[in-house]
Protein backbone atom coordinates (compact mmCIF):
# COMPACT_ATOMS: atom_id res chain seq x y z
CA MET A 1 23.36 28.02 25.11
CA LEU A 2 21.64 31.42 25.50
CA ALA A 3 24.56 33.00 23.73
CA ARG A 4 23.93 30.76 20.76
CA PHE A 5 20.35 32.00 20.51
CA ARG A 6 21.48 35.63 20.78
CA HIS A 7 23.76 35.18 17.79
CA GLY A 8 21.12 33.37 15.77
CA ARG A 9 22.60 29.93 16.33
CA HIS A 10 20.48 26.89 17.06
CA PRO A 11 21.46 24.70 20.03
CA PHE A 12 21.25 21.70 17.61
CA PRO A 13 22.63 23.07 14.33
CA HIS A 14 21.57 21.48 11.08
CA ARG A 15 23.90 18.73 9.99
CA GLU A 16 24.16 17.36 6.45
CA SER A 17 24.83 13.96 7.96
CA THR A 18 21.14 13.64 8.93
CA VAL A 19 18.51 11.94 6.78
CA ARG A 20 15.13 12.97 5.44
CA LEU A 21 12.37 10.41 5.82
CA THR A 22 9.03 9.83 4.11
CA LEU A 23 6.82 7.29 5.88
CA LEU A 24 3.93 5.88 3.89
CA VAL A 25 1.40 4.54 6.42
CA PRO A 26 -1.85 3.37 4.73
CA GLU A 27 -5.03 3.36 6.85
CA LEU A 28 -3.39 5.20 9.70
CA LEU A 29 -6.90 6.30 10.74
CA TRP A 30 -9.56 3.75 11.59
CA PRO A 31 -12.37 3.80 8.95
CA GLU A 32 -15.06 4.44 11.63
CA PRO A 33 -14.08 7.57 13.64
CA GLY A 34 -16.94 6.98 16.13
CA ASP A 35 -15.82 3.42 17.02
CA ARG A 36 -14.92 3.87 20.69
CA GLN A 37 -14.07 0.23 21.16
CA THR A 38 -11.25 0.46 18.60
CA LEU A 39 -10.11 4.03 19.13
CA GLY A 40 -10.65 4.31 22.86
CA ASP A 41 -7.77 3.80 25.29
CA LEU A 42 -5.16 3.89 22.53
CA PRO A 43 -2.45 6.26 23.82
CA LEU A 44 0.05 7.18 21.11
CA PRO A 45 2.06 10.00 22.75
CA ALA A 46 4.91 10.06 20.27
CA PHE A 47 2.71 10.19 17.16
CA GLU A 48 0.43 12.72 18.80
CA TRP A 49 3.48 14.87 19.67
CA LEU A 50 4.70 14.75 16.06
CA ALA A 51 1.27 15.41 14.58
CA ALA A 52 0.73 18.41 16.82
CA ARG A 53 3.88 20.11 15.62
CA ALA A 54 3.52 19.27 11.93
CA ALA A 55 2.05 21.10 9.02
CA TRP A 56 -1.03 19.12 8.06
CA GLN A 57 -3.00 18.79 4.88
CA ARG A 58 -5.71 16.60 3.47
CA GLN A 59 -6.32 15.71 -0.18
CA PRO A 60 -8.97 13.50 -1.82
CA ALA A 61 -8.79 9.84 -0.91
CA LEU A 62 -6.53 7.60 -2.93
CA PRO A 63 -5.96 3.83 -2.81
CA PHE A 64 -2.70 2.75 -1.21
CA GLU A 65 -1.21 1.71 -4.57
CA THR A 66 -2.04 5.06 -6.19
CA ALA A 67 -0.64 6.99 -3.26
CA LEU A 68 2.55 4.94 -3.39
CA ALA A 69 2.97 5.69 -7.11
CA ARG A 70 2.39 9.41 -6.44
CA CYS A 71 5.36 9.35 -4.07
CA PHE A 72 7.46 8.61 -7.14
CA GLY A 73 5.70 11.28 -9.20
CA LEU A 74 3.61 8.86 -11.25
CA THR A 75 -0.07 9.57 -11.86
CA ASP A 76 -1.11 6.80 -14.26
CA PRO A 77 1.40 3.94 -13.99
CA ALA A 78 1.17 0.39 -15.28
CA PHE A 79 0.77 -1.11 -11.82
CA ALA A 80 1.01 -4.72 -12.94
CA ALA A 81 4.37 -4.44 -14.71
CA LEU A 82 5.78 -2.35 -11.90
CA ARG A 83 4.60 -4.75 -9.19
CA LEU A 84 5.95 -7.71 -11.18
CA LEU A 85 9.30 -5.87 -11.45
CA GLY A 86 9.42 -6.01 -7.63
CA GLU A 87 8.97 -9.80 -7.54
CA LYS A 88 11.73 -12.41 -7.61
CA THR A 89 10.80 -13.07 -11.26
CA GLY A 90 10.83 -9.36 -12.01
CA ALA A 91 12.89 -9.60 -15.20
CA ALA A 92 9.79 -10.82 -17.05
CA ALA A 93 8.12 -7.39 -16.52
CA ALA A 94 10.24 -5.84 -19.28
CA ASP A 95 8.47 -7.79 -22.03
CA GLY A 96 4.81 -7.57 -22.91
CA HIS A 97 1.54 -6.17 -21.62
CA TRP A 98 0.66 -7.28 -18.08
CA LEU A 99 -2.36 -7.29 -15.82
CA CYS A 100 -2.57 -8.06 -12.17
CA ALA A 101 -4.91 -11.07 -12.02
CA ASP A 102 -5.19 -11.51 -8.27
CA PRO A 103 -7.27 -14.42 -6.89
CA VAL A 104 -10.40 -13.35 -5.02
CA HIS A 105 -13.48 -14.81 -3.41
CA LEU A 106 -16.84 -13.18 -4.22
CA ARG A 107 -19.77 -13.81 -1.89
CA PHE A 108 -23.28 -12.52 -1.48
CA HIS A 109 -24.07 -10.57 1.66
CA HIS A 110 -27.44 -8.81 2.06
CA GLU A 111 -28.01 -8.99 -1.70
CA ARG A 112 -24.62 -7.39 -2.40
CA ILE A 113 -21.44 -8.91 -3.74
CA ILE A 114 -18.47 -8.55 -1.37
CA LEU A 115 -14.91 -9.16 -2.51
CA ALA A 116 -12.31 -10.82 -0.34
CA ASP A 117 -8.68 -10.90 -1.43
CA GLY A 118 -5.88 -13.16 -0.26
CA GLY A 119 -5.57 -11.26 2.99
CA ALA A 120 -8.85 -12.85 4.12
CA PHE A 121 -8.25 -16.50 3.38
CA ALA A 122 -5.52 -19.11 3.19
CA LEU A 123 -4.14 -20.14 -0.19
CA THR A 124 -0.96 -22.14 -0.69
CA GLU A 125 1.48 -21.49 -3.50
CA ASP A 126 0.91 -25.03 -4.79
CA GLU A 127 -2.79 -24.33 -5.03
CA ALA A 128 -2.12 -21.07 -6.79
CA LYS A 129 0.10 -22.74 -9.37
CA ALA A 130 -2.49 -25.48 -9.93
CA PHE A 131 -5.18 -22.88 -10.56
CA ALA A 132 -2.92 -20.95 -12.94
CA ALA A 133 -2.03 -24.11 -14.85
CA ALA A 134 -5.73 -24.91 -15.26
CA LEU A 135 -6.50 -21.39 -16.47
CA ASN A 136 -3.61 -21.49 -18.92
CA GLY A 137 -4.90 -24.74 -20.32
CA GLU A 138 -8.45 -23.47 -20.73
CA PHE A 139 -7.75 -19.89 -21.91
CA ALA A 140 -4.49 -20.15 -23.83
CA ASP A 141 -5.88 -17.80 -26.50
CA ILE A 142 -6.09 -14.88 -24.05
CA GLY A 143 -2.62 -14.91 -22.52
CA GLU A 144 -0.45 -16.67 -19.97
CA PHE A 145 -0.80 -16.65 -16.18
CA HIS A 146 2.19 -16.31 -13.90
CA VAL A 147 2.18 -16.89 -10.16
CA ALA A 148 4.69 -14.80 -8.26
CA ALA A 149 3.21 -15.60 -4.82
CA ALA A 150 0.07 -17.36 -3.62
CA ARG A 151 -1.97 -14.18 -3.56
CA ARG A 152 -0.26 -12.27 -6.41
CA TRP A 153 -0.97 -13.54 -9.92
CA TYR A 154 -0.25 -11.89 -13.27
CA LEU A 155 -1.65 -12.24 -16.75
CA ARG A 156 0.56 -11.55 -19.73
CA LEU A 157 -1.72 -10.81 -22.65
CA HIS A 158 -0.96 -12.07 -26.10
CA PRO A 159 0.16 -9.42 -28.63
CA THR A 160 -3.12 -9.96 -30.48
CA ALA A 161 -5.18 -8.91 -27.41
CA PRO A 162 -7.46 -5.88 -27.94
CA ALA A 163 -5.76 -2.58 -27.11
CA GLY A 164 -8.37 -1.81 -24.49
CA ALA A 165 -7.56 -4.97 -22.57
CA CYS A 166 -3.98 -3.80 -22.10
CA ARG A 167 -5.13 -0.72 -20.17
CA HIS A 168 -8.09 -2.41 -18.46
CA VAL A 169 -9.73 0.09 -16.09
CA ALA A 170 -10.34 -1.23 -12.57
CA ALA A 171 -9.54 0.05 -9.12
CA PRO A 172 -6.42 -1.22 -7.32
CA LEU A 173 -7.11 -4.24 -5.16
CA SER A 174 -6.86 -2.40 -1.82
CA ALA A 175 -9.70 -0.12 -2.91
CA VAL A 176 -12.17 -2.98 -3.33
CA ALA A 177 -11.06 -5.69 -0.91
CA GLY A 178 -13.64 -6.19 1.84
CA ARG A 179 -16.16 -3.98 0.08
CA ARG A 180 -19.13 -4.21 -2.26
CA VAL A 181 -18.29 -4.59 -5.96
CA ASP A 182 -20.28 -4.97 -9.13
CA ASN A 183 -20.17 -8.06 -11.28
CA ALA A 184 -17.63 -6.42 -13.56
CA PRO A 185 -15.85 -3.05 -13.73
CA ASN A 186 -17.89 -0.31 -15.37
CA GLU A 187 -15.19 0.35 -17.92
CA GLY A 188 -12.75 -1.74 -19.85
CA ASP A 189 -12.47 -3.86 -22.93
CA PRO A 190 -15.70 -5.85 -23.60
CA THR A 191 -13.72 -8.85 -24.82
CA LEU A 192 -11.77 -9.04 -21.57
CA ILE A 193 -14.90 -8.59 -19.46
CA ARG A 194 -16.65 -11.41 -21.32
CA TRP A 195 -13.58 -13.60 -20.81
CA LEU A 196 -13.59 -12.83 -17.07
CA SER A 197 -17.21 -14.05 -16.89
CA GLU A 198 -16.13 -17.29 -18.58
CA ALA A 199 -13.19 -17.64 -16.18
CA GLN A 200 -15.54 -17.24 -13.20
CA ILE A 201 -17.73 -20.09 -14.52
CA PHE A 202 -14.63 -22.21 -15.07
CA LEU A 203 -13.29 -21.57 -11.59
CA HIS A 204 -16.69 -22.21 -9.97
CA GLY A 205 -16.76 -25.74 -11.26
CA HIS A 206 -13.11 -26.64 -10.86
CA PRO A 207 -12.23 -29.62 -8.63
CA LEU A 208 -9.68 -27.52 -6.69
CA ASN A 209 -12.49 -25.30 -5.48
CA ALA A 210 -14.66 -28.30 -4.64
CA ARG A 211 -11.87 -29.51 -2.36
CA ARG A 212 -11.48 -26.12 -0.79
CA GLU A 213 -15.20 -25.83 -0.04
CA ALA A 214 -15.23 -29.39 1.36
CA ALA A 215 -12.44 -28.29 3.76
CA GLY A 216 -14.44 -25.23 4.77
CA GLN A 217 -12.26 -22.80 2.82
CA PRO A 218 -13.53 -20.03 0.50
CA ALA A 219 -13.52 -20.88 -3.20
CA ILE A 220 -11.25 -18.93 -5.56
CA ASN A 221 -14.18 -18.02 -7.78
CA SER A 222 -12.97 -14.93 -9.58
CA LEU A 223 -9.94 -12.78 -10.45
CA TRP A 224 -9.41 -9.08 -9.95
CA LEU A 225 -7.92 -7.70 -13.18
CA TRP A 226 -6.25 -4.33 -12.74
CA GLY A 227 -3.19 -2.21 -13.41
CA GLY A 228 -2.70 -3.17 -17.05
CA GLY A 229 0.01 -1.81 -19.32
CA ARG A 230 3.60 -2.09 -20.46
CA LEU A 231 6.54 -1.31 -18.21
CA THR A 232 7.82 2.24 -18.44
CA ARG A 233 10.69 3.62 -16.33
CA PRO A 234 10.60 7.13 -14.87
CA GLU A 235 13.67 9.26 -15.48
CA HIS A 236 14.79 9.46 -11.89
CA SER A 237 13.83 8.65 -8.29
CA PRO A 238 12.98 11.21 -5.63
CA PHE A 239 14.47 8.79 -3.08
CA THR A 240 17.99 7.67 -2.39
CA ALA A 241 16.69 4.49 -0.75
CA VAL A 242 13.38 2.57 -0.41
CA TRP A 243 12.68 0.31 2.58
CA SER A 244 9.74 -2.01 2.03
CA ASN A 245 8.52 -5.61 1.73
CA ASP A 246 5.79 -4.59 -0.72
CA PRO A 247 6.56 -5.72 -4.29
CA LEU A 248 4.96 -2.64 -5.86
CA ALA A 249 7.19 -0.34 -3.79
CA ILE A 250 10.22 -2.48 -4.68
CA GLY A 251 9.29 -2.42 -8.35
CA LEU A 252 8.86 1.39 -8.34
CA ALA A 253 12.27 1.73 -6.74
CA ARG A 254 13.88 -0.61 -9.28
CA ALA A 255 12.20 1.22 -12.14
CA THR A 256 13.65 4.55 -10.94
CA GLY A 257 17.05 3.18 -10.00
CA ALA A 258 16.71 3.62 -6.22
CA PRO A 259 18.34 1.05 -3.94
CA THR A 260 15.89 -1.15 -2.06
CA GLN A 261 16.12 -2.91 1.31
CA PRO A 262 13.65 -5.10 3.23
CA LEU A 263 11.64 -3.25 5.84
CA PRO A 264 13.69 -3.15 9.07
CA GLU A 265 12.06 -4.10 12.37
CA ASN A 266 12.32 -0.59 13.77
CA PHE A 267 13.79 2.89 13.28
CA ALA A 268 16.99 2.06 15.11
CA ALA A 269 17.74 -0.68 12.61
CA LEU A 270 17.03 1.65 9.72
CA ALA A 271 19.24 4.39 11.19
CA ARG A 272 22.16 2.01 11.42
CA GLN A 273 21.91 1.16 7.71
CA THR A 274 20.88 4.46 6.10
CA PRO A 275 23.61 6.55 4.43
CA PRO A 276 23.77 10.13 5.66
CA GLY A 277 22.28 13.03 3.72
CA GLY A 278 19.70 11.10 1.75
CA HIS A 279 15.94 10.88 1.40
CA ALA A 280 14.50 7.48 2.32
CA LEU A 281 10.96 6.14 1.70
CA VAL A 282 9.74 3.65 4.32
CA VAL A 283 6.49 1.79 3.65
CA LEU A 284 4.80 0.81 6.92
CA ASP A 285 1.68 -1.10 5.79
CA SER A 286 0.83 -3.16 8.87
CA LEU A 287 -2.41 -1.24 9.39
CA LEU A 288 -3.74 -1.88 5.92
CA THR A 289 -5.18 -5.38 6.04
CA PRO A 290 -6.80 -5.12 9.47
CA ALA A 291 -8.45 -1.84 8.43
CA ILE A 292 -9.74 -3.36 5.20
CA TYR A 293 -11.35 -6.25 7.05
CA GLU A 294 -12.35 -4.23 10.13
CA ASP A 295 -10.23 -6.25 12.53
CA GLY A 296 -10.03 -3.64 15.29
CA GLU A 297 -7.87 -5.52 17.75
CA THR A 298 -5.21 -6.43 15.19
CA TRP A 299 -5.21 -2.83 14.00
CA ARG A 300 -4.70 -1.57 17.56
CA GLN A 301 -1.84 -4.04 18.11
CA ALA A 302 -0.21 -2.89 14.87
CA TRP A 303 -0.51 0.73 15.95
CA ARG A 304 1.13 0.03 19.31
CA ALA A 305 4.03 -1.59 17.49
CA LEU A 306 4.36 1.43 15.17
CA GLU A 307 4.35 3.77 18.14
CA THR A 308 7.06 1.83 20.00
CA ASP A 309 9.27 0.93 17.06
CA TRP A 310 8.98 4.01 14.85
CA PHE A 311 7.25 7.11 16.20
CA ALA A 312 8.79 7.12 19.70
CA PRO A 313 12.39 7.06 18.38
CA LEU A 314 11.46 9.52 15.63
CA ARG A 315 10.27 11.98 18.22
CA GLN A 316 13.65 11.75 19.93
CA GLN A 317 15.63 11.97 16.70
CA LEU A 318 13.82 14.81 14.90
CA GLY A 319 16.46 17.50 14.50
CA ARG A 320 19.24 15.04 15.28
CA ALA A 321 19.47 11.97 13.07
CA VAL A 322 16.35 13.08 11.15
CA ARG A 323 16.35 16.53 9.57
CA GLY A 324 12.90 16.23 7.98
CA LEU A 325 9.90 13.91 8.22
CA GLU A 326 6.81 13.42 6.12
CA ILE A 327 4.05 11.03 7.14
CA VAL A 328 1.81 10.22 4.17
CA ALA A 329 -1.36 8.33 5.08
CA PRO A 330 -3.82 7.26 2.40
CA THR A 331 -7.04 6.52 4.28
CA ARG A 332 -10.75 6.31 3.57
CA HIS A 333 -11.05 9.80 5.03
CA GLY A 334 -8.62 11.19 2.43
CA LYS A 335 -4.92 11.29 1.72
CA LEU A 336 -3.42 12.88 4.84
CA GLN A 337 0.05 14.30 5.21
CA TRP A 338 2.04 15.59 8.16
CA SER A 339 5.29 17.45 7.39
CA LEU A 340 7.97 18.34 9.93
CA SER A 341 11.39 19.97 9.81
CA ALA A 342 14.01 20.04 12.56
CA HIS A 343 12.89 23.33 14.09
CA ASP A 344 9.27 22.17 14.46
CA ARG A 345 10.15 20.25 17.60
CA TRP A 346 10.33 23.58 19.41
CA ARG A 347 6.62 24.24 18.93
CA PHE A 348 5.99 23.23 22.52
CA TRP A 349 2.78 25.29 22.78
CA ARG A 350 0.99 22.92 20.38
CA GLN A 351 -0.90 20.26 22.29
CA GLY A 352 -1.29 16.76 20.91
CA LYS A 353 -4.64 15.24 20.18
CA ALA A 354 -5.73 11.65 20.57
CA LEU A 355 -6.13 9.57 17.38
CA ALA A 356 -9.92 9.63 17.81
CA ALA A 357 -9.88 13.47 17.75
CA ILE A 358 -7.56 13.49 14.74
CA SER A 359 -9.98 11.16 12.98
CA LYS A 360 -12.93 13.46 13.62
CA ASN A 361 -10.90 16.44 12.45
CA ALA A 362 -10.06 14.64 9.22
CA LEU A 363 -13.79 14.45 8.41
CA GLN A 364 -14.28 18.25 8.65
CA PRO A 365 -14.55 20.20 5.40
CA ASN A 366 -11.42 21.90 4.18
CA ASP A 367 -11.24 25.61 4.68
């Protein structure tokens, strides 16, 4: 082996049969870096080992959906049409102007309006379809609602809708869920904003919501309209495969012609199914919802599973089955990225830091 080093050869030479991986892991850092109860006693040796050896950078914070689109090279995509393309009824995305019209619950808390999305309450698909049918009957002049899943609704605007409505400006849902919002977005088409106010009044008085409240469930008293536009397809995909259960990721892959597969249960399952020599995107979003709703214990459990199922085997396979690894983490602290190549595993002098220390470091100003 020493002879190999003398002649400039690596003991584990680069092999074209290995794969390059990009892991998108939203909310990898806990929103409150000083929360000892959540961050304390959370050993993650494999991730800490990888992070210590990686090149690290931080960019301004981005919502999960925006960071996902940036992975495909898109800066201003029509999120609704792309997400719909990733649904079972995705063929409809090719025709018309679409908005995401996701069901939400607005509540007052300390004189502020807090938005809860479908991740915070139960909603059946039958209920969703009943709400959509009622909205279609009342507001047929605006467009037509489609329910792809209980918590994912879409609004196809009529061709006569104002041009501004088709590119309605509002933050992606993950950026507002669990947080304070205003009564309406600060920008957007006035006609659509007025209609949304009418829809809120209609939903407030609907018998379906009366039954939900009687059963102790939050009312569906508003919609979050975002991501408007017409489907456009990028010229090519940076990935040879996309592994995800998220419909937006699936839609982005379909739009760029990349093969898609459901998220496997662990890295070993992915390795068995990934063709050699490619570049795969894997969306690991199990930390997102517990971080949004500050469910520390569920977030910790999700992190332990990621450590066992993904980062521990990746530590062993870096430079073997994996020739390159990027970990992209959109968080409230910023968009963080760790990049590793095969030879980085030999940086044994770099000591790993606990996740709490990494979180505090992420808050430091950039040099």
